[in-house]
Amino acid sequence: MSFPLLTATAALPAIGAIATAAVPAARRTAAKWLALLFSLGTLVLAAVVFLRFEPGGDRYQLTESRAWIADFGVRYELGVDGIGVAL
């Protein structure tokens, strides 16, 4: 099982927003640094996605697939194509 790169790239900004919002208003500078840290982490993950993408393929790449609600056959699936990797 490999690292869920696309999930981490999508989830890190949301986690950063929640963490930054939890910082008290009196610690405004700390909140700015925390937001910058999460932004840079997201940038690094996005760069890794971009560098791992191989153009020219006709299928989704860097795919992730996990059973979510197995009793109902619901799965969590994520992948990226040429347009998605540019976004």
Protein backbone atom coordinates (compact mmCIF):
# COMPACT_ATOMS: atom_id res chain seq x y z
CA MET A 1 0.00 0.00 0.00
CA SER A 2 1.45 3.33 -1.02
CA PHE A 3 1.07 6.79 0.49
CA PRO A 4 -2.32 8.36 -0.45
CA LEU A 5 -0.75 11.33 -2.23
CA LEU A 6 -3.91 12.76 -3.83
CA THR A 7 -5.93 12.44 -0.63
CA ALA A 8 -3.20 14.20 1.35
CA THR A 9 -2.95 16.94 -1.28
CA ALA A 10 -6.70 17.54 -1.08
CA ALA A 11 -7.04 17.23 2.71
CA LEU A 12 -4.02 19.24 3.87
CA PRO A 13 -5.51 22.69 3.08
CA ALA A 14 -8.70 21.83 4.99
CA ILE A 15 -6.71 20.59 7.98
CA GLY A 16 -4.59 23.74 7.82
CA ALA A 17 -7.67 25.96 7.73
CA ILE A 18 -9.12 24.27 10.80
CA ALA A 19 -5.79 24.45 12.65
CA THR A 20 -5.31 28.11 11.74
CA ALA A 21 -8.85 28.98 12.81
CA ALA A 22 -8.20 27.34 16.17
CA VAL A 23 -5.33 29.73 16.96
CA PRO A 24 -6.48 32.49 19.34
CA ALA A 25 -6.87 35.98 17.88
CA ALA A 26 -4.17 37.29 20.23
CA ARG A 27 -1.63 35.02 18.49
CA ARG A 28 -2.11 36.49 15.04
CA THR A 29 1.53 36.07 14.01
CA ALA A 30 1.47 32.40 14.98
CA ALA A 31 -1.65 31.90 12.88
CA LYS A 32 0.08 33.45 9.86
CA TRP A 33 3.10 31.19 10.25
CA LEU A 34 0.89 28.14 10.69
CA ALA A 35 -1.05 29.02 7.54
CA LEU A 36 2.22 29.48 5.65
CA LEU A 37 3.48 26.10 6.87
CA PHE A 38 0.35 24.31 5.66
CA SER A 39 0.45 26.20 2.36
CA LEU A 40 4.05 25.19 1.75
CA GLY A 41 3.22 21.58 2.65
CA THR A 42 0.40 21.63 0.12
CA LEU A 43 2.74 23.12 -2.49
CA VAL A 44 5.27 20.35 -1.92
CA LEU A 45 2.61 17.64 -2.26
CA ALA A 46 1.23 19.26 -5.42
CA ALA A 47 4.75 19.41 -6.88
CA VAL A 48 5.25 15.70 -6.15
CA VAL A 49 1.94 14.92 -7.90
CA PHE A 50 3.01 17.00 -10.89
CA LEU A 51 6.44 15.36 -11.10
CA ARG A 52 5.06 11.82 -10.79
CA PHE A 53 2.49 12.39 -13.54
CA GLU A 54 3.44 10.85 -16.89
CA PRO A 55 1.84 12.72 -19.80
CA GLY A 56 0.59 10.86 -22.82
CA GLY A 57 -1.44 8.22 -21.04
CA ASP A 58 -5.14 7.72 -21.64
CA ARG A 59 -6.00 6.60 -18.12
CA TYR A 60 -6.15 8.15 -14.68
CA GLN A 61 -2.85 8.13 -12.85
CA LEU A 62 -1.81 8.10 -9.19
CA THR A 63 -5.10 6.35 -8.43
CA GLU A 64 -6.32 5.49 -4.96
CA SER A 65 -9.12 3.05 -4.24
CA ARG A 66 -10.45 2.01 -0.84
CA ALA A 67 -13.61 0.31 0.35
CA TRP A 68 -15.67 2.88 2.23
CA ILE A 69 -19.05 1.36 3.06
CA ALA A 70 -18.49 -2.25 2.08
CA ASP A 71 -22.04 -3.41 2.87
CA PHE A 72 -23.40 -1.10 0.17
CA GLY A 73 -20.50 -1.49 -2.25
CA VAL A 74 -19.44 2.14 -1.81
CA ARG A 75 -15.80 2.88 -2.58
CA TYR A 76 -13.55 5.92 -2.31
CA GLU A 77 -11.67 6.30 -5.58
CA LEU A 78 -9.45 9.14 -6.66
CA GLY A 79 -7.19 9.69 -9.67
CA VAL A 80 -5.78 12.49 -11.76
CA ASP A 81 -5.73 13.11 -15.51
CA GLY A 82 -3.87 15.65 -17.64
CA ILE A 83 -6.23 18.53 -16.94
CA GLY A 84 -6.55 17.73 -13.23
CA VAL A 85 -2.80 17.64 -12.67
CA ALA A 86 -2.50 21.14 -14.13
CA LEU A 87 -5.10 22.47 -11.73
